[in-house]
Amino acid sequence: MRLVLLGPPGAGKGTQATKLAAYLGVPHVSTGDILRHNVTARSELGKKAKAYMDAGGLVPDDLVIAMTERRLKEPDAKKGFILDGFPRTLAQAEALSKFTKLDAAVNLFLEPEELIKRNTGRRVCPKDDTVYHIFMNPPKKSGICDKCGTPLIIRDDDREDVVRTRIETYESQTAPLIKYYRDRGLLREVYASGLIQEIFLRTIEVLKESAQSRGR
């Protein structure tokens, strides 16, 4: 099965991508991992990407597309893949359609306030980098690291104003993609509230229904 997984920051996209990949026996293909691999391996594409990154710029679409296409042509992706972090733009979605045929684009959605709660709940120990979450994985003593007793901090990325901006940016960028895949009959929506396993089972059910409707 060839899937694209969409979802805002805090929806648990990476976790679900990993579980789906294991369940379906296909690779979890993250564009972040692809980029890091190419840069580390000093491939021609990686060298070009690194030049943009070193200059503080974004890696252009054509490089990201070329790296993704190359990754999806590797033997382990022949039977399918879970694509995470790509496409991010309509140009990328259209390019993807030229070198592979998707079975579905799964959109994990959640109410904005729940996303804020998830994204602002992280607390970090500045001494040993242990990560906690005040709702999902709280320390034994509020605000204190279990391991070393150091007061926990809130990283700048986890401040509510920053989180709201990230979510708004994601939604404005992703809205055209949602429409793109809906218009092509590929969009599948999954409510991402609840336990990890509950969301996973919802996703599997949606994919089974999708396969049946497509006669597979």
N, C-alpha and C. Protein backbone atom coordinates (compact mmCIF):
# COMPACT_ATOMS: atom_id res chain seq x y z
N MET A 1 0.84 -1.20 0.00
CA MET A 1 0.00 0.00 0.00
C MET A 1 0.87 1.25 0.00
N ARG A 2 0.54 2.19 -0.85
CA ARG A 2 1.32 3.43 -0.99
C ARG A 2 0.51 4.59 -0.42
N LEU A 3 1.00 5.11 0.70
CA LEU A 3 0.24 6.12 1.44
C LEU A 3 1.02 7.39 1.68
N VAL A 4 0.31 8.50 1.66
CA VAL A 4 0.82 9.78 2.15
C VAL A 4 0.11 10.04 3.47
N LEU A 5 0.86 10.45 4.49
CA LEU A 5 0.27 10.75 5.79
C LEU A 5 0.38 12.25 6.06
N LEU A 6 -0.77 12.89 6.24
CA LEU A 6 -0.82 14.32 6.53
C LEU A 6 -1.30 14.54 7.96
N GLY A 7 -0.88 15.64 8.56
CA GLY A 7 -1.34 15.94 9.91
C GLY A 7 -0.56 17.09 10.51
N PRO A 8 -1.22 17.92 11.31
CA PRO A 8 -0.56 19.09 11.91
C PRO A 8 0.40 18.70 13.02
N PRO A 9 1.25 19.62 13.45
CA PRO A 9 2.15 19.35 14.58
C PRO A 9 1.34 18.96 15.81
N GLY A 10 1.69 17.82 16.41
CA GLY A 10 0.99 17.37 17.60
C GLY A 10 -0.08 16.33 17.34
N ALA A 11 -0.35 16.01 16.07
CA ALA A 11 -1.39 15.02 15.75
C ALA A 11 -0.89 13.59 15.89
N GLY A 12 0.42 13.42 16.09
CA GLY A 12 0.97 12.07 16.25
C GLY A 12 1.29 11.39 14.94
N LYS A 13 1.57 12.18 13.93
CA LYS A 13 1.81 11.65 12.58
C LYS A 13 2.99 10.69 12.53
N GLY A 14 4.11 11.08 13.15
CA GLY A 14 5.29 10.23 13.13
C GLY A 14 5.06 8.90 13.81
N THR A 15 4.37 8.93 14.95
CA THR A 15 4.06 7.70 15.69
C THR A 15 3.18 6.78 14.86
N GLN A 16 2.14 7.33 14.26
CA GLN A 16 1.23 6.52 13.45
C GLN A 16 1.92 6.00 12.19
N ALA A 17 2.79 6.81 11.60
CA ALA A 17 3.52 6.36 10.41
C ALA A 17 4.38 5.15 10.74
N THR A 18 5.05 5.18 11.89
CA THR A 18 5.90 4.06 12.31
C THR A 18 5.07 2.80 12.53
N LYS A 19 3.92 2.94 13.21
CA LYS A 19 3.06 1.79 13.48
C LYS A 19 2.46 1.23 12.18
N LEU A 20 2.03 2.10 11.29
CA LEU A 20 1.47 1.65 10.02
C LEU A 20 2.50 0.92 9.18
N ALA A 21 3.72 1.45 9.16
CA ALA A 21 4.79 0.82 8.39
C ALA A 21 5.05 -0.60 8.88
N ALA A 22 5.09 -0.77 10.21
CA ALA A 22 5.33 -2.10 10.78
C ALA A 22 4.16 -3.04 10.47
N TYR A 23 2.94 -2.53 10.57
CA TYR A 23 1.74 -3.34 10.33
C TYR A 23 1.64 -3.78 8.87
N LEU A 24 1.95 -2.87 7.96
CA LEU A 24 1.82 -3.16 6.53
C LEU A 24 3.07 -3.79 5.92
N GLY A 25 4.18 -3.77 6.67
CA GLY A 25 5.43 -4.34 6.16
C GLY A 25 6.05 -3.51 5.05
N VAL A 26 5.91 -2.19 5.16
CA VAL A 26 6.49 -1.28 4.17
C VAL A 26 7.32 -0.23 4.91
N PRO A 27 8.24 0.45 4.23
CA PRO A 27 9.08 1.43 4.92
C PRO A 27 8.34 2.72 5.27
N HIS A 28 8.73 3.29 6.39
CA HIS A 28 8.28 4.64 6.78
C HIS A 28 9.28 5.60 6.18
N VAL A 29 8.86 6.32 5.17
CA VAL A 29 9.76 7.21 4.44
C VAL A 29 9.53 8.65 4.89
N SER A 30 10.47 9.16 5.68
CA SER A 30 10.38 10.53 6.17
C SER A 30 11.30 11.42 5.35
N THR A 31 10.78 12.54 4.87
CA THR A 31 11.62 13.41 4.05
C THR A 31 12.77 14.00 4.86
N GLY A 32 12.56 14.18 6.16
CA GLY A 32 13.66 14.64 7.02
C GLY A 32 14.80 13.64 7.02
N ASP A 33 14.44 12.35 7.13
CA ASP A 33 15.46 11.29 7.11
C ASP A 33 16.15 11.22 5.75
N ILE A 34 15.37 11.37 4.68
CA ILE A 34 15.94 11.34 3.33
C ILE A 34 16.98 12.45 3.17
N LEU A 35 16.63 13.63 3.62
CA LEU A 35 17.52 14.79 3.51
C LEU A 35 18.80 14.57 4.30
N ARG A 36 18.64 14.12 5.56
CA ARG A 36 19.82 13.88 6.40
C ARG A 36 20.71 12.80 5.80
N HIS A 37 20.10 11.75 5.26
CA HIS A 37 20.88 10.66 4.66
C HIS A 37 21.69 11.16 3.47
N ASN A 38 21.07 11.94 2.61
CA ASN A 38 21.77 12.45 1.43
C ASN A 38 22.90 13.40 1.80
N VAL A 39 22.67 14.23 2.82
CA VAL A 39 23.71 15.16 3.26
C VAL A 39 24.87 14.39 3.89
N THR A 40 24.55 13.41 4.76
CA THR A 40 25.59 12.62 5.42
C THR A 40 26.38 11.79 4.42
N ALA A 41 25.67 11.21 3.44
CA ALA A 41 26.32 10.37 2.43
C ALA A 41 27.06 11.19 1.38
N ARG A 42 26.89 12.51 1.43
CA ARG A 42 27.54 13.42 0.49
C ARG A 42 27.21 13.07 -0.96
N SER A 43 25.94 12.70 -1.18
CA SER A 43 25.49 12.46 -2.55
C SER A 43 25.46 13.79 -3.28
N GLU A 44 25.35 13.73 -4.60
CA GLU A 44 25.30 14.97 -5.37
C GLU A 44 24.11 15.83 -4.94
N LEU A 45 22.96 15.17 -4.75
CA LEU A 45 21.78 15.90 -4.30
C LEU A 45 21.99 16.45 -2.89
N GLY A 46 22.64 15.63 -2.05
CA GLY A 46 22.91 16.05 -0.68
C GLY A 46 23.82 17.26 -0.60
N LYS A 47 24.84 17.29 -1.46
CA LYS A 47 25.76 18.44 -1.48
C LYS A 47 25.03 19.73 -1.87
N LYS A 48 24.15 19.60 -2.86
CA LYS A 48 23.38 20.78 -3.29
C LYS A 48 22.44 21.25 -2.17
N ALA A 49 21.79 20.28 -1.51
CA ALA A 49 20.88 20.62 -0.42
C ALA A 49 21.62 21.28 0.73
N LYS A 50 22.80 20.76 1.05
CA LYS A 50 23.59 21.29 2.16
C LYS A 50 23.99 22.74 1.92
N ALA A 51 24.26 23.07 0.67
CA ALA A 51 24.64 24.45 0.35
C ALA A 51 23.51 25.42 0.71
N TYR A 52 22.27 25.02 0.43
CA TYR A 52 21.13 25.86 0.80
C TYR A 52 20.95 25.91 2.31
N MET A 53 21.11 24.75 2.96
CA MET A 53 20.93 24.68 4.41
C MET A 53 21.99 25.51 5.13
N ASP A 54 23.23 25.43 4.67
CA ASP A 54 24.32 26.19 5.29
C ASP A 54 24.10 27.70 5.16
N ALA A 55 23.41 28.08 4.08
CA ALA A 55 23.15 29.50 3.85
C ALA A 55 21.88 29.97 4.58
N GLY A 56 21.25 29.03 5.30
CA GLY A 56 20.05 29.37 6.06
C GLY A 56 18.79 29.40 5.23
N GLY A 57 18.85 28.82 4.02
CA GLY A 57 17.68 28.82 3.14
C GLY A 57 16.94 27.50 3.15
N LEU A 58 15.78 27.48 2.51
CA LEU A 58 15.01 26.25 2.36
C LEU A 58 15.53 25.46 1.17
N VAL A 59 15.51 24.14 1.29
CA VAL A 59 15.92 23.29 0.18
C VAL A 59 14.83 23.36 -0.90
N PRO A 60 15.18 23.70 -2.14
CA PRO A 60 14.17 23.88 -3.20
C PRO A 60 13.39 22.60 -3.51
N ASP A 61 12.18 22.81 -4.03
CA ASP A 61 11.30 21.70 -4.38
C ASP A 61 11.98 20.66 -5.26
N ASP A 62 12.72 21.13 -6.28
CA ASP A 62 13.26 20.17 -7.24
C ASP A 62 14.22 19.18 -6.58
N LEU A 63 14.99 19.65 -5.59
CA LEU A 63 15.92 18.75 -4.89
C LEU A 63 15.16 17.78 -4.00
N VAL A 64 14.17 18.28 -3.26
CA VAL A 64 13.38 17.42 -2.38
C VAL A 64 12.65 16.36 -3.20
N ILE A 65 12.09 16.78 -4.33
CA ILE A 65 11.38 15.85 -5.21
C ILE A 65 12.33 14.78 -5.74
N ALA A 66 13.51 15.18 -6.19
CA ALA A 66 14.48 14.23 -6.75
C ALA A 66 14.92 13.22 -5.70
N MET A 67 15.17 13.69 -4.47
CA MET A 67 15.58 12.78 -3.40
C MET A 67 14.46 11.79 -3.06
N THR A 68 13.24 12.29 -3.01
CA THR A 68 12.09 11.43 -2.68
C THR A 68 11.86 10.40 -3.77
N GLU A 69 11.94 10.82 -5.01
CA GLU A 69 11.76 9.89 -6.13
C GLU A 69 12.80 8.78 -6.08
N ARG A 70 14.04 9.15 -5.83
CA ARG A 70 15.11 8.16 -5.74
C ARG A 70 14.85 7.17 -4.60
N ARG A 71 14.41 7.70 -3.45
CA ARG A 71 14.15 6.83 -2.29
C ARG A 71 13.01 5.85 -2.58
N LEU A 72 11.96 6.31 -3.24
CA LEU A 72 10.81 5.45 -3.49
C LEU A 72 11.08 4.41 -4.58
N LYS A 73 12.20 4.55 -5.28
CA LYS A 73 12.57 3.55 -6.29
C LYS A 73 13.46 2.46 -5.72
N GLU A 74 13.82 2.57 -4.43
CA GLU A 74 14.64 1.54 -3.80
C GLU A 74 13.81 0.27 -3.60
N PRO A 75 14.48 -0.91 -3.57
CA PRO A 75 13.77 -2.19 -3.52
C PRO A 75 12.76 -2.33 -2.39
N ASP A 76 13.08 -1.80 -1.20
CA ASP A 76 12.18 -2.01 -0.06
C ASP A 76 10.86 -1.25 -0.20
N ALA A 77 10.79 -0.30 -1.14
CA ALA A 77 9.57 0.49 -1.31
C ALA A 77 8.72 0.00 -2.48
N LYS A 78 9.13 -1.10 -3.11
CA LYS A 78 8.40 -1.59 -4.29
C LYS A 78 6.98 -2.03 -3.94
N LYS A 79 6.80 -2.60 -2.74
CA LYS A 79 5.47 -3.09 -2.35
C LYS A 79 4.63 -2.00 -1.68
N GLY A 80 5.24 -0.85 -1.43
CA GLY A 80 4.51 0.23 -0.80
C GLY A 80 5.38 1.04 0.14
N PHE A 81 4.77 2.06 0.75
CA PHE A 81 5.51 2.94 1.65
C PHE A 81 4.51 3.82 2.40
N ILE A 82 4.98 4.38 3.52
CA ILE A 82 4.25 5.42 4.24
C ILE A 82 5.08 6.68 4.10
N LEU A 83 4.58 7.65 3.37
CA LEU A 83 5.33 8.87 3.09
C LEU A 83 4.94 9.95 4.10
N ASP A 84 5.92 10.43 4.85
CA ASP A 84 5.70 11.35 5.96
C ASP A 84 6.52 12.63 5.73
N GLY A 85 5.84 13.77 5.60
CA GLY A 85 6.54 15.03 5.39
C GLY A 85 6.63 15.46 3.94
N PHE A 86 6.01 14.69 3.08
CA PHE A 86 6.01 14.98 1.64
C PHE A 86 4.74 14.38 1.06
N PRO A 87 4.01 15.10 0.24
CA PRO A 87 4.29 16.46 -0.25
C PRO A 87 3.86 17.53 0.75
N ARG A 88 4.48 18.70 0.64
CA ARG A 88 4.11 19.86 1.44
C ARG A 88 3.47 20.96 0.58
N THR A 89 3.65 20.84 -0.73
CA THR A 89 3.12 21.85 -1.65
C THR A 89 2.40 21.16 -2.80
N LEU A 90 1.57 21.92 -3.52
CA LEU A 90 0.89 21.36 -4.69
C LEU A 90 1.88 20.91 -5.75
N ALA A 91 2.96 21.68 -5.92
CA ALA A 91 3.98 21.30 -6.91
C ALA A 91 4.57 19.94 -6.56
N GLN A 92 4.82 19.71 -5.27
CA GLN A 92 5.36 18.42 -4.84
C GLN A 92 4.33 17.30 -5.05
N ALA A 93 3.06 17.58 -4.76
CA ALA A 93 2.01 16.58 -4.95
C ALA A 93 1.88 16.19 -6.42
N GLU A 94 1.94 17.17 -7.29
CA GLU A 94 1.83 16.90 -8.72
C GLU A 94 3.04 16.13 -9.23
N ALA A 95 4.22 16.47 -8.71
CA ALA A 95 5.44 15.74 -9.09
C ALA A 95 5.36 14.30 -8.61
N LEU A 96 4.88 14.11 -7.38
CA LEU A 96 4.76 12.76 -6.82
C LEU A 96 3.86 11.89 -7.69
N SER A 97 2.77 12.46 -8.19
CA SER A 97 1.82 11.70 -9.01
C SER A 97 2.44 11.21 -10.31
N LYS A 98 3.55 11.83 -10.72
CA LYS A 98 4.19 11.45 -11.97
C LYS A 98 5.11 10.24 -11.83
N PHE A 99 5.59 9.98 -10.59
CA PHE A 99 6.48 8.83 -10.45
C PHE A 99 5.97 7.74 -9.51
N THR A 100 4.76 7.91 -8.96
CA THR A 100 4.15 6.82 -8.20
C THR A 100 2.65 7.03 -8.15
N LYS A 101 1.92 5.96 -7.93
CA LYS A 101 0.46 6.02 -7.83
C LYS A 101 0.07 5.71 -6.39
N LEU A 102 -0.57 6.66 -5.74
CA LEU A 102 -0.96 6.49 -4.34
C LEU A 102 -2.25 5.69 -4.21
N ASP A 103 -2.35 4.97 -3.08
CA ASP A 103 -3.61 4.30 -2.73
C ASP A 103 -4.50 5.21 -1.90
N ALA A 104 -3.86 6.06 -1.09
CA ALA A 104 -4.64 6.99 -0.25
C ALA A 104 -3.74 8.06 0.34
N ALA A 105 -4.37 9.18 0.69
CA ALA A 105 -3.72 10.23 1.47
C ALA A 105 -4.51 10.34 2.77
N VAL A 106 -3.89 9.96 3.87
CA VAL A 106 -4.56 9.92 5.17
C VAL A 106 -4.29 11.23 5.92
N ASN A 107 -5.36 11.92 6.28
CA ASN A 107 -5.23 13.18 7.02
C ASN A 107 -5.65 12.98 8.47
N LEU A 108 -4.68 13.09 9.39
CA LEU A 108 -4.98 13.03 10.82
C LEU A 108 -5.42 14.42 11.26
N PHE A 109 -6.65 14.55 11.76
CA PHE A 109 -7.14 15.88 12.14
C PHE A 109 -7.55 15.91 13.61
N LEU A 110 -7.49 17.10 14.17
CA LEU A 110 -7.75 17.30 15.59
C LEU A 110 -8.20 18.74 15.80
N GLU A 111 -9.03 18.98 16.83
CA GLU A 111 -9.46 20.34 17.12
C GLU A 111 -8.26 21.22 17.46
N PRO A 112 -8.28 22.49 17.03
CA PRO A 112 -7.15 23.39 17.28
C PRO A 112 -6.74 23.48 18.75
N GLU A 113 -7.72 23.55 19.66
CA GLU A 113 -7.37 23.69 21.08
C GLU A 113 -6.69 22.43 21.62
N GLU A 114 -7.08 21.27 21.10
CA GLU A 114 -6.41 20.03 21.52
C GLU A 114 -4.97 20.01 21.01
N LEU A 115 -4.77 20.53 19.80
CA LEU A 115 -3.41 20.63 19.26
C LEU A 115 -2.55 21.56 20.11
N ILE A 116 -3.14 22.69 20.54
CA ILE A 116 -2.42 23.63 21.40
C ILE A 116 -2.02 22.94 22.70
N LYS A 117 -2.97 22.22 23.28
CA LYS A 117 -2.72 21.51 24.54
C LYS A 117 -1.59 20.51 24.39
N ARG A 118 -1.61 19.76 23.31
CA ARG A 118 -0.55 18.75 23.10
C ARG A 118 0.81 19.40 22.88
N ASN A 119 0.83 20.48 22.11
CA ASN A 119 2.10 21.09 21.73
C ASN A 119 2.72 21.96 22.82
N THR A 120 1.88 22.49 23.71
CA THR A 120 2.42 23.36 24.76
C THR A 120 2.68 22.61 26.06
N GLY A 121 2.35 21.33 26.11
CA GLY A 121 2.51 20.56 27.35
C GLY A 121 3.89 20.00 27.59
N ARG A 122 4.78 20.15 26.63
CA ARG A 122 6.12 19.55 26.77
C ARG A 122 6.97 20.35 27.76
N ARG A 123 7.69 19.61 28.61
CA ARG A 123 8.64 20.20 29.54
C ARG A 123 9.95 19.42 29.43
N VAL A 124 11.06 20.13 29.54
CA VAL A 124 12.37 19.52 29.31
C VAL A 124 13.31 19.81 30.47
N CYS A 125 14.10 18.80 30.85
CA CYS A 125 15.14 19.01 31.85
C CYS A 125 16.36 19.62 31.17
N PRO A 126 16.79 20.80 31.59
CA PRO A 126 17.94 21.45 30.93
C PRO A 126 19.27 20.76 31.23
N LYS A 127 19.25 19.87 32.24
CA LYS A 127 20.49 19.21 32.63
C LYS A 127 20.72 17.92 31.85
N ASP A 128 19.69 17.06 31.75
CA ASP A 128 19.88 15.76 31.07
C ASP A 128 18.99 15.58 29.84
N ASP A 129 18.25 16.62 29.45
CA ASP A 129 17.40 16.62 28.24
C ASP A 129 16.24 15.63 28.28
N THR A 130 15.89 15.12 29.46
CA THR A 130 14.72 14.26 29.57
C THR A 130 13.47 15.07 29.23
N VAL A 131 12.60 14.49 28.41
CA VAL A 131 11.39 15.19 27.97
C VAL A 131 10.16 14.63 28.70
N TYR A 132 9.35 15.51 29.22
CA TYR A 132 8.09 15.15 29.88
C TYR A 132 6.94 15.84 29.16
N HIS A 133 5.72 15.43 29.51
CA HIS A 133 4.53 16.12 29.01
C HIS A 133 3.56 16.21 30.17
N ILE A 134 3.10 17.42 30.48
CA ILE A 134 2.31 17.60 31.69
C ILE A 134 0.97 16.87 31.66
N PHE A 135 0.50 16.47 30.47
CA PHE A 135 -0.75 15.73 30.37
C PHE A 135 -0.53 14.25 30.09
N MET A 136 0.41 13.94 29.21
CA MET A 136 0.58 12.56 28.75
C MET A 136 1.72 11.80 29.43
N ASN A 137 2.72 12.52 29.92
CA ASN A 137 3.86 11.86 30.57
C ASN A 137 4.45 12.81 31.63
N PRO A 138 3.66 13.11 32.68
CA PRO A 138 4.11 14.11 33.65
C PRO A 138 5.20 13.58 34.58
N PRO A 139 6.04 14.47 35.12
CA PRO A 139 7.02 14.06 36.12
C PRO A 139 6.28 13.71 37.42
N LYS A 140 6.95 12.96 38.30
CA LYS A 140 6.31 12.57 39.56
C LYS A 140 5.99 13.79 40.41
N LYS A 141 6.90 14.75 40.41
CA LYS A 141 6.67 16.02 41.12
C LYS A 141 6.56 17.12 40.08
N SER A 142 5.48 17.86 40.13
CA SER A 142 5.22 18.88 39.11
C SER A 142 6.39 19.84 38.93
N GLY A 143 6.85 19.95 37.67
CA GLY A 143 7.89 20.91 37.34
C GLY A 143 9.30 20.50 37.68
N ILE A 144 9.47 19.25 38.15
CA ILE A 144 10.80 18.79 38.59
C ILE A 144 11.18 17.50 37.87
N CYS A 145 12.42 17.41 37.39
CA CYS A 145 12.91 16.21 36.71
C CYS A 145 12.97 15.03 37.68
N ASP A 146 12.42 13.89 37.26
CA ASP A 146 12.45 12.68 38.09
C ASP A 146 13.86 12.20 38.36
N LYS A 147 14.74 12.38 37.37
CA LYS A 147 16.08 11.79 37.45
C LYS A 147 17.05 12.59 38.31
N CYS A 148 17.03 13.92 38.15
CA CYS A 148 18.07 14.72 38.81
C CYS A 148 17.54 15.86 39.68
N GLY A 149 16.21 16.05 39.71
CA GLY A 149 15.65 17.08 40.57
C GLY A 149 15.77 18.50 40.06
N THR A 150 16.21 18.65 38.82
CA THR A 150 16.36 19.98 38.23
C THR A 150 14.99 20.53 37.79
N PRO A 151 14.73 21.82 38.02
CA PRO A 151 13.47 22.40 37.54
C PRO A 151 13.37 22.30 36.00
N LEU A 152 12.20 21.89 35.54
CA LEU A 152 11.99 21.74 34.10
C LEU A 152 11.73 23.09 33.44
N ILE A 153 12.03 23.16 32.14
CA ILE A 153 11.84 24.40 31.40
C ILE A 153 10.90 24.18 30.21
N ILE A 154 10.36 25.28 29.71
CA ILE A 154 9.57 25.27 28.48
C ILE A 154 10.45 25.83 27.37
N ARG A 155 10.68 25.05 26.32
CA ARG A 155 11.48 25.54 25.20
C ARG A 155 10.69 26.59 24.42
N ASP A 156 11.42 27.46 23.75
CA ASP A 156 10.78 28.52 22.97
C ASP A 156 9.79 27.96 21.95
N ASP A 157 10.14 26.82 21.35
CA ASP A 157 9.28 26.21 20.33
C ASP A 157 7.94 25.75 20.90
N ASP A 158 7.87 25.59 22.23
CA ASP A 158 6.66 25.08 22.86
C ASP A 158 5.78 26.17 23.48
N ARG A 159 6.17 27.43 23.29
CA ARG A 159 5.34 28.54 23.78
C ARG A 159 4.06 28.62 22.95
N GLU A 160 2.97 29.02 23.59
CA GLU A 160 1.67 28.99 22.91
C GLU A 160 1.64 29.86 21.67
N ASP A 161 2.23 31.05 21.72
CA ASP A 161 2.19 31.93 20.55
C ASP A 161 2.93 31.32 19.37
N VAL A 162 4.06 30.65 19.67
CA VAL A 162 4.84 30.00 18.61
C VAL A 162 4.07 28.81 18.04
N VAL A 163 3.46 28.03 18.94
CA VAL A 163 2.69 26.85 18.53
C VAL A 163 1.51 27.27 17.64
N ARG A 164 0.80 28.31 18.04
CA ARG A 164 -0.35 28.77 17.24
C ARG A 164 0.09 29.19 15.83
N THR A 165 1.23 29.85 15.76
CA THR A 165 1.75 30.28 14.46
C THR A 165 2.09 29.07 13.60
N ARG A 166 2.73 28.06 14.21
CA ARG A 166 3.09 26.84 13.47
C ARG A 166 1.85 26.14 12.92
N ILE A 167 0.82 26.05 13.75
CA ILE A 167 -0.40 25.38 13.34
C ILE A 167 -1.10 26.16 12.23
N GLU A 168 -1.16 27.49 12.36
CA GLU A 168 -1.78 28.33 11.33
C GLU A 168 -1.03 28.22 10.00
N THR A 169 0.31 28.19 10.09
CA THR A 169 1.13 28.05 8.89
C THR A 169 0.87 26.70 8.22
N TYR A 170 0.83 25.65 9.05
CA TYR A 170 0.57 24.31 8.52
C TYR A 170 -0.78 24.27 7.81
N GLU A 171 -1.81 24.81 8.46
CA GLU A 171 -3.16 24.75 7.89
C GLU A 171 -3.26 25.51 6.57
N SER A 172 -2.61 26.67 6.50
CA SER A 172 -2.67 27.45 5.26
C SER A 172 -1.92 26.75 4.12
N GLN A 173 -0.82 26.07 4.47
CA GLN A 173 -0.04 25.37 3.46
C GLN A 173 -0.73 24.08 3.02
N THR A 174 -1.41 23.42 3.97
CA THR A 174 -1.96 22.09 3.70
C THR A 174 -3.35 22.12 3.08
N ALA A 175 -4.10 23.20 3.29
CA ALA A 175 -5.46 23.28 2.74
C ALA A 175 -5.53 22.94 1.25
N PRO A 176 -4.63 23.48 0.42
CA PRO A 176 -4.66 23.12 -1.01
C PRO A 176 -4.38 21.63 -1.24
N LEU A 177 -3.53 21.03 -0.40
CA LEU A 177 -3.23 19.60 -0.55
C LEU A 177 -4.45 18.75 -0.21
N ILE A 178 -5.15 19.15 0.87
CA ILE A 178 -6.36 18.42 1.27
C ILE A 178 -7.35 18.43 0.10
N LYS A 179 -7.55 19.59 -0.50
CA LYS A 179 -8.47 19.70 -1.64
C LYS A 179 -7.97 18.89 -2.82
N TYR A 180 -6.67 18.92 -3.08
CA TYR A 180 -6.06 18.20 -4.19
C TYR A 180 -6.38 16.70 -4.09
N TYR A 181 -6.16 16.13 -2.90
CA TYR A 181 -6.39 14.69 -2.73
C TYR A 181 -7.87 14.35 -2.62
N ARG A 182 -8.66 15.28 -2.07
CA ARG A 182 -10.11 15.04 -2.02
C ARG A 182 -10.68 15.01 -3.43
N ASP A 183 -10.26 15.95 -4.27
CA ASP A 183 -10.76 16.01 -5.65
C ASP A 183 -10.42 14.76 -6.44
N ARG A 184 -9.36 14.07 -6.05
CA ARG A 184 -8.94 12.86 -6.75
C ARG A 184 -9.43 11.58 -6.09
N GLY A 185 -10.28 11.74 -5.08
CA GLY A 185 -10.86 10.59 -4.41
C GLY A 185 -9.89 9.81 -3.55
N LEU A 186 -8.78 10.44 -3.18
CA LEU A 186 -7.75 9.73 -2.41
C LEU A 186 -7.74 10.09 -0.92
N LEU A 187 -8.42 11.16 -0.54
CA LEU A 187 -8.34 11.63 0.85
C LEU A 187 -9.15 10.75 1.80
N ARG A 188 -8.51 10.38 2.91
CA ARG A 188 -9.15 9.63 3.98
C ARG A 188 -8.89 10.37 5.29
N GLU A 189 -9.95 10.69 6.02
CA GLU A 189 -9.83 11.48 7.25
C GLU A 189 -9.87 10.57 8.48
N VAL A 190 -8.96 10.81 9.42
CA VAL A 190 -8.91 10.04 10.67
C VAL A 190 -8.85 11.01 11.85
N TYR A 191 -9.79 10.86 12.78
CA TYR A 191 -9.82 11.69 13.98
C TYR A 191 -8.69 11.24 14.91
N ALA A 192 -7.80 12.18 15.24
CA ALA A 192 -6.56 11.81 15.95
C ALA A 192 -6.62 12.06 17.45
N SER A 193 -7.82 12.00 18.04
CA SER A 193 -7.94 12.14 19.48
C SER A 193 -8.00 10.76 20.13
N GLY A 194 -7.46 10.66 21.35
CA GLY A 194 -7.50 9.39 22.06
C GLY A 194 -6.14 8.76 22.20
N LEU A 195 -6.14 7.49 22.60
CA LEU A 195 -4.89 6.76 22.78
C LEU A 195 -4.27 6.42 21.43
N ILE A 196 -2.95 6.22 21.44
CA ILE A 196 -2.22 5.90 20.21
C ILE A 196 -2.83 4.70 19.50
N GLN A 197 -3.13 3.64 20.27
CA GLN A 197 -3.67 2.42 19.67
C GLN A 197 -5.06 2.65 19.09
N GLU A 198 -5.86 3.48 19.75
CA GLU A 198 -7.20 3.78 19.24
C GLU A 198 -7.12 4.49 17.88
N ILE A 199 -6.21 5.43 17.78
CA ILE A 199 -6.03 6.17 16.52
C ILE A 199 -5.53 5.23 15.43
N PHE A 200 -4.61 4.35 15.81
CA PHE A 200 -4.07 3.37 14.87
C PHE A 200 -5.18 2.47 14.32
N LEU A 201 -6.04 1.96 15.21
CA LEU A 201 -7.12 1.07 14.78
C LEU A 201 -8.12 1.81 13.88
N ARG A 202 -8.37 3.08 14.19
CA ARG A 202 -9.23 3.89 13.32
C ARG A 202 -8.64 4.00 11.92
N THR A 203 -7.32 4.22 11.89
CA THR A 203 -6.64 4.38 10.61
C THR A 203 -6.70 3.10 9.79
N ILE A 204 -6.46 1.97 10.45
CA ILE A 204 -6.53 0.67 9.76
C ILE A 204 -7.92 0.44 9.19
N GLU A 205 -8.95 0.77 9.97
CA GLU A 205 -10.32 0.58 9.52
C GLU A 205 -10.61 1.44 8.29
N VAL A 206 -10.15 2.68 8.32
CA VAL A 206 -10.35 3.60 7.19
C VAL A 206 -9.64 3.06 5.94
N LEU A 207 -8.44 2.52 6.12
CA LEU A 207 -7.69 1.99 4.98
C LEU A 207 -8.35 0.74 4.41
N LYS A 208 -8.92 -0.09 5.28
CA LYS A 208 -9.63 -1.29 4.81
C LYS A 208 -10.85 -0.88 3.98
N GLU A 209 -11.58 0.11 4.48
CA GLU A 209 -12.75 0.60 3.74
C GLU A 209 -12.33 1.20 2.40
N SER A 210 -11.19 1.90 2.41
CA SER A 210 -10.67 2.51 1.19
C SER A 210 -10.32 1.44 0.16
N ALA A 211 -9.65 0.37 0.63
CA ALA A 211 -9.24 -0.71 -0.28
C ALA A 211 -10.46 -1.40 -0.87
N GLN A 212 -11.50 -1.60 -0.04
CA GLN A 212 -12.72 -2.25 -0.52
C GLN A 212 -13.43 -1.39 -1.57
N SER A 213 -13.46 -0.08 -1.32
CA SER A 213 -14.15 0.82 -2.25
C SER A 213 -13.42 0.92 -3.58
N ARG A 214 -12.10 0.64 -3.54
CA ARG A 214 -11.30 0.69 -4.77
C ARG A 214 -11.17 -0.68 -5.41
N GLY A 215 -11.88 -1.68 -4.81
CA GLY A 215 -11.90 -3.01 -5.39
C GLY A 215 -10.63 -3.78 -5.20
N ARG A 216 -9.95 -3.55 -4.03
CA ARG A 216 -8.68 -4.24 -3.80
C ARG A 216 -8.81 -5.16 -2.60
